[in-house]
């Protein structure tokens, strides 16, 4: 059995199919780990959702910010943006089943030495603590009261973690860290406007995975979300969003030997940073 971690898909269905052919994916023996953002901006979001859902236990996906945006729009909370490509999903006959499945996916997966998240982990969080915090949000998302949470989910504050946080402020920080984090202060204060290359990070901020003393540093964290960062493979950091949507390749890594597999983007949209 092989486990393949795959970077952000964002509706790039054709490239995903080509990538699965290249790795000779066998759902009876192999597993796929998706870093989130299955949908949006690309032309095949509906097909991507249907495919990943159909894989059952052969695929694990964590929720990304675009996936949560779709869930919020479906619930009548979020508003569609001009660049969104979610209409096909919202008009699909299996919309209810697809969104129910998506709403029941996780924010974090940990297995052995590996941790899978969409964006990052705050420096104060151990892997065990982060799993517990992810479960708090997952429980609310899966509940009948999830719309009330979605109404409070958006916002940039509080900017950092405090063990004393409660209610929707606590849940909002957890969601923001898992699905929006790129850079933070050494104390874990998050900044959300920055989307660019590392050399342009604002003063006072560093990539979240470079914070000295980060409590999850013993784990190997696999993530996406930061397409301008691109492919980054270090002993304990694996960044796999290579910006297929924006003209870069779509990337998979076989975790057993860290072999990389890539396919080129067939129809890029304009760069977003």
Protein backbone atom coordinates (compact mmCIF):
# COMPACT_ATOMS: atom_id res chain seq x y z
CA UNK A 1 0.00 0.00 0.00
CA UNK A 2 1.16 3.50 -0.83
CA UNK A 3 -0.04 6.85 0.53
CA UNK A 4 0.04 9.80 -1.86
CA UNK A 5 -0.35 13.35 -0.55
CA UNK A 6 -1.77 15.73 -3.17
CA UNK A 7 -1.69 19.53 -3.26
CA UNK A 8 -4.60 21.92 -3.77
CA UNK A 9 -6.97 20.81 -6.56
CA UNK A 10 -9.35 23.80 -6.74
CA UNK A 11 -11.57 22.26 -9.37
CA UNK A 12 -8.77 21.19 -11.73
CA UNK A 13 -10.41 17.85 -12.49
CA UNK A 14 -8.57 16.95 -15.70
CA UNK A 15 -5.16 17.43 -14.07
CA UNK A 16 -6.24 15.35 -11.07
CA UNK A 17 -7.27 12.50 -13.36
CA UNK A 18 -3.94 12.70 -15.18
CA UNK A 19 -2.09 12.68 -11.87
CA UNK A 20 -3.96 9.60 -10.65
CA UNK A 21 -3.11 7.86 -13.92
CA UNK A 22 0.54 8.80 -13.54
CA UNK A 23 0.80 7.36 -10.03
CA UNK A 24 -1.26 4.33 -11.11
CA UNK A 25 -3.56 4.84 -8.18
CA UNK A 26 -5.32 1.68 -7.06
CA UNK A 27 -8.14 2.44 -4.61
CA UNK A 28 -8.07 -1.16 -3.43
CA UNK A 29 -4.50 -0.79 -2.21
CA UNK A 30 -3.49 2.88 -2.08
CA UNK A 31 -4.66 5.94 -0.19
CA UNK A 32 -4.86 9.59 -1.21
CA UNK A 33 -4.37 12.45 1.23
CA UNK A 34 -5.73 15.77 -0.05
CA UNK A 35 -4.55 19.01 1.58
CA UNK A 36 -7.94 20.68 1.04
CA UNK A 37 -9.41 23.21 -1.36
CA UNK A 38 -10.90 20.55 -3.56
CA UNK A 39 -13.13 23.15 -5.16
CA UNK A 40 -13.40 26.63 -6.65
CA UNK A 41 -11.78 28.79 -9.32
CA UNK A 42 -11.09 25.81 -11.61
CA UNK A 43 -13.64 24.46 -14.13
CA UNK A 44 -14.34 21.01 -12.67
CA UNK A 45 -15.26 21.45 -9.02
CA UNK A 46 -18.39 19.29 -9.26
CA UNK A 47 -16.47 16.44 -10.87
CA UNK A 48 -13.69 16.69 -8.26
CA UNK A 49 -16.17 16.48 -5.39
CA UNK A 50 -17.93 13.50 -6.92
CA UNK A 51 -14.66 11.70 -7.55
CA UNK A 52 -13.16 12.19 -4.09
CA UNK A 53 -16.46 11.32 -2.40
CA UNK A 54 -16.69 8.13 -4.48
CA UNK A 55 -13.28 6.97 -3.22
CA UNK A 56 -14.64 6.40 0.27
CA UNK A 57 -12.02 5.25 2.73
CA UNK A 58 -9.34 5.33 0.03
CA UNK A 59 -9.20 9.12 0.31
CA UNK A 60 -8.73 11.48 3.23
CA UNK A 61 -9.27 15.18 2.75
CA UNK A 62 -8.98 18.07 5.17
CA UNK A 63 -11.12 21.15 4.69
CA UNK A 64 -9.64 24.24 3.07
CA UNK A 65 -10.91 27.80 3.01
CA UNK A 66 -12.59 27.33 -0.39
CA UNK A 67 -14.33 24.18 0.81
CA UNK A 68 -15.68 26.07 3.84
CA UNK A 69 -16.75 28.90 1.54
CA UNK A 70 -18.82 26.43 -0.48
CA UNK A 71 -20.39 25.04 2.70
CA UNK A 72 -21.28 28.57 3.84
CA UNK A 73 -22.78 29.51 0.46
CA UNK A 74 -24.81 26.31 0.43
CA UNK A 75 -26.16 27.21 3.88
CA UNK A 76 -27.18 30.68 2.69
CA UNK A 77 -24.49 32.36 4.79
CA UNK A 78 -21.66 33.15 2.37
CA UNK A 79 -21.98 35.15 -0.84
CA UNK A 80 -20.68 33.97 -4.20
CA UNK A 81 -17.73 35.97 -5.54
CA UNK A 82 -17.16 36.92 -9.17
CA UNK A 83 -14.27 34.47 -9.50
CA UNK A 84 -16.13 31.53 -7.92
CA UNK A 85 -16.91 28.47 -10.03
CA UNK A 86 -19.37 26.79 -7.69
CA UNK A 87 -22.63 27.16 -9.65
CA UNK A 88 -22.53 23.62 -11.04
CA UNK A 89 -22.30 22.16 -7.55
CA UNK A 90 -25.13 24.35 -6.26
CA UNK A 91 -27.35 23.29 -9.17
CA UNK A 92 -26.41 19.59 -9.10
CA UNK A 93 -29.06 16.97 -8.36
CA UNK A 94 -26.70 15.42 -5.80
CA UNK A 95 -25.91 18.77 -4.17
CA UNK A 96 -27.33 17.77 -0.79
CA UNK A 97 -25.35 14.53 -0.65
CA UNK A 98 -22.12 16.21 -1.77
CA UNK A 99 -22.38 19.04 0.74
CA UNK A 100 -23.34 16.69 3.56
CA UNK A 101 -20.24 14.65 2.78
CA UNK A 102 -18.02 17.73 2.56
CA UNK A 103 -19.35 19.13 5.84
CA UNK A 104 -18.33 15.87 7.54
CA UNK A 105 -14.69 16.02 6.48
CA UNK A 106 -11.98 16.88 9.00
CA UNK A 107 -9.73 19.88 9.61
CA UNK A 108 -6.68 17.79 10.50
CA UNK A 109 -5.46 14.24 10.09
CA UNK A 110 -2.56 12.71 12.01
CA UNK A 111 -1.12 9.30 11.29
CA UNK A 112 2.27 8.09 12.43
CA UNK A 113 4.80 10.88 12.02
CA UNK A 114 2.65 12.78 9.51
CA UNK A 115 0.14 15.57 10.06
CA UNK A 116 -2.16 16.75 7.26
CA UNK A 117 -3.68 20.25 7.35
CA UNK A 118 -4.72 22.77 4.74
CA UNK A 119 -2.79 25.86 5.85
CA UNK A 120 -0.88 25.50 9.11
CA UNK A 121 -0.65 25.11 12.86
CA UNK A 122 -0.19 27.85 15.41
CA UNK A 123 3.15 27.67 17.23
CA UNK A 124 1.56 27.15 20.66
CA UNK A 125 -0.23 23.96 19.58
CA UNK A 126 1.12 20.47 20.08
CA UNK A 127 -0.15 17.86 17.62
CA UNK A 128 -2.41 16.40 20.28
CA UNK A 129 -3.85 19.77 21.22
CA UNK A 130 -4.38 20.67 17.59
CA UNK A 131 -6.31 17.45 17.00
CA UNK A 132 -8.56 18.24 19.91
CA UNK A 133 -9.19 21.77 18.65
CA UNK A 134 -9.92 20.47 15.16
CA UNK A 135 -12.50 18.10 16.65
CA UNK A 136 -14.24 21.03 18.34
CA UNK A 137 -14.90 22.67 14.98
CA UNK A 138 -15.68 19.39 13.23
CA UNK A 139 -18.35 18.58 15.81
CA UNK A 140 -20.07 21.91 15.25
CA UNK A 141 -19.85 21.65 11.45
CA UNK A 142 -21.45 18.22 11.55
CA UNK A 143 -24.25 19.29 13.89
CA UNK A 144 -27.77 20.47 13.04
CA UNK A 145 -26.72 23.88 14.37
CA UNK A 146 -23.87 24.38 11.90
CA UNK A 147 -25.52 27.41 10.25
CA UNK A 148 -25.24 29.39 13.47
CA UNK A 149 -21.51 28.69 13.53
CA UNK A 150 -21.08 29.57 9.85
CA UNK A 151 -22.67 32.97 10.51
CA UNK A 152 -19.87 33.68 13.01
CA UNK A 153 -17.01 31.93 11.20
CA UNK A 154 -15.71 34.85 9.13
CA UNK A 155 -13.39 37.48 10.55
CA UNK A 156 -9.72 38.14 11.32
CA UNK A 157 -10.01 38.43 15.08
CA UNK A 158 -8.84 37.26 17.51
CA UNK A 159 -5.49 37.21 15.71
CA UNK A 160 -3.82 34.64 17.96
CA UNK A 161 -4.47 31.78 20.31
CA UNK A 162 -5.41 32.02 23.97
CA UNK A 163 -6.36 28.94 25.98
CA UNK A 164 -9.08 31.03 27.61
CA UNK A 165 -10.93 31.71 24.36
CA UNK A 166 -14.49 30.43 24.29
CA UNK A 167 -17.50 30.29 22.01
CA UNK A 168 -17.37 31.47 18.43
CA UNK A 169 -14.17 33.48 18.93
CA UNK A 170 -12.40 30.26 19.89
CA UNK A 171 -13.81 28.37 16.91
CA UNK A 172 -12.95 31.24 14.52
CA UNK A 173 -9.28 31.24 15.55
CA UNK A 174 -9.11 27.48 15.10
CA UNK A 175 -10.63 27.67 11.61
CA UNK A 176 -8.39 30.58 10.60
CA UNK A 177 -5.24 28.76 11.67
CA UNK A 178 -6.11 25.51 9.94
CA UNK A 179 -7.41 27.04 6.71
CA UNK A 180 -5.91 30.55 6.24
CA UNK A 181 -2.54 30.73 8.01
CA UNK A 182 0.60 31.56 6.06
CA UNK A 183 2.63 33.89 8.25
CA UNK A 184 2.51 34.93 11.88
CA UNK A 185 4.53 36.74 14.51
CA UNK A 186 6.86 34.71 16.71
CA UNK A 187 4.04 34.84 19.29
CA UNK A 188 1.51 33.40 16.83
CA UNK A 189 -0.28 36.57 15.76
CA UNK A 190 -1.78 35.78 12.36
CA UNK A 191 -1.75 38.05 9.27
CA UNK A 192 -4.20 37.20 6.48
CA UNK A 193 -3.69 39.77 3.70
CA UNK A 194 -0.28 38.48 2.67
CA UNK A 195 -0.33 35.84 -0.11
CA UNK A 196 2.99 36.39 -1.86
CA UNK A 197 6.53 35.05 -2.02
CA UNK A 198 8.63 34.54 1.09
CA UNK A 199 10.98 37.41 0.28
CA UNK A 200 8.03 39.82 0.50
CA UNK A 201 6.73 38.80 3.93
CA UNK A 202 5.83 41.89 6.01
CA UNK A 203 8.24 42.95 8.74
CA UNK A 204 7.66 41.21 12.04
CA UNK A 205 6.20 38.08 10.45
CA UNK A 206 7.67 34.71 9.49
CA UNK A 207 6.28 31.59 7.81
CA UNK A 208 4.31 29.74 10.48
CA UNK A 209 6.54 26.66 10.15
CA UNK A 210 9.69 28.69 10.86
CA UNK A 211 8.61 29.99 14.27
CA UNK A 212 11.30 29.07 16.78
CA UNK A 213 10.05 26.63 19.41
CA UNK A 214 6.93 25.62 17.48
CA UNK A 215 5.37 22.82 19.55
CA UNK A 216 4.43 20.67 16.54
CA UNK A 217 7.99 20.70 15.17
CA UNK A 218 8.55 16.99 15.89
CA UNK A 219 5.85 16.00 13.39
CA UNK A 220 6.10 16.11 9.60
CA UNK A 221 3.43 18.59 8.55
CA UNK A 222 1.93 18.30 5.06
CA UNK A 223 0.01 21.36 3.87
CA UNK A 224 -1.03 23.47 0.88
CA UNK A 225 -2.84 26.83 0.65
CA UNK A 226 0.27 28.94 -0.10
CA UNK A 227 0.70 28.67 -3.86
CA UNK A 228 3.29 31.46 -3.96
CA UNK A 229 5.46 29.40 -1.60
CA UNK A 230 5.35 26.53 -4.05
CA UNK A 231 6.88 23.13 -3.48
CA UNK A 232 8.85 22.96 -0.26
CA UNK A 233 10.25 19.66 0.99
CA UNK A 234 12.20 19.59 4.22
CA UNK A 235 12.62 16.86 6.83
CA UNK A 236 9.59 18.07 8.80
CA UNK A 237 7.77 20.33 6.31
CA UNK A 238 6.08 19.32 3.05
CA UNK A 239 4.28 22.11 1.15
CA UNK A 240 2.42 20.81 -1.91
CA UNK A 241 0.39 23.72 -3.35
CA UNK A 242 2.32 24.27 -6.57
CA UNK A 243 -0.40 26.47 -8.06
CA UNK A 244 -1.91 24.26 -10.75
CA UNK A 245 -4.79 26.70 -10.99
CA UNK A 246 -2.38 29.54 -11.74
CA UNK A 247 -0.26 27.72 -14.34
CA UNK A 248 1.99 25.61 -12.14
CA UNK A 249 1.90 21.82 -11.94
CA UNK A 250 -0.33 19.68 -9.76
CA UNK A 251 1.85 17.75 -7.34
CA UNK A 252 1.62 14.45 -5.49
CA UNK A 253 4.17 12.92 -3.13
CA UNK A 254 4.41 9.25 -2.26
CA UNK A 255 5.06 9.48 1.44
CA UNK A 256 6.94 6.19 1.80
CA UNK A 257 9.92 7.34 -0.27
CA UNK A 258 9.02 11.01 -0.91
CA UNK A 259 8.97 10.52 -4.66
CA UNK A 260 7.28 13.41 -6.45
CA UNK A 261 4.80 13.18 -9.31
CA UNK A 262 3.55 16.19 -11.30
CA UNK A 263 1.30 17.06 -14.24
CA UNK A 264 1.17 20.41 -16.00
CA UNK A 265 -1.79 22.77 -15.83
CA UNK A 266 -3.84 22.72 -19.03
CA UNK A 267 -5.83 25.96 -18.66
CA UNK A 268 -4.43 28.42 -16.09
CA UNK A 269 -6.21 31.49 -14.82
CA UNK A 270 -4.44 34.76 -13.99
CA UNK A 271 -2.06 34.88 -11.01
CA UNK A 272 -3.78 36.05 -7.82
CA UNK A 273 -0.94 37.64 -5.84
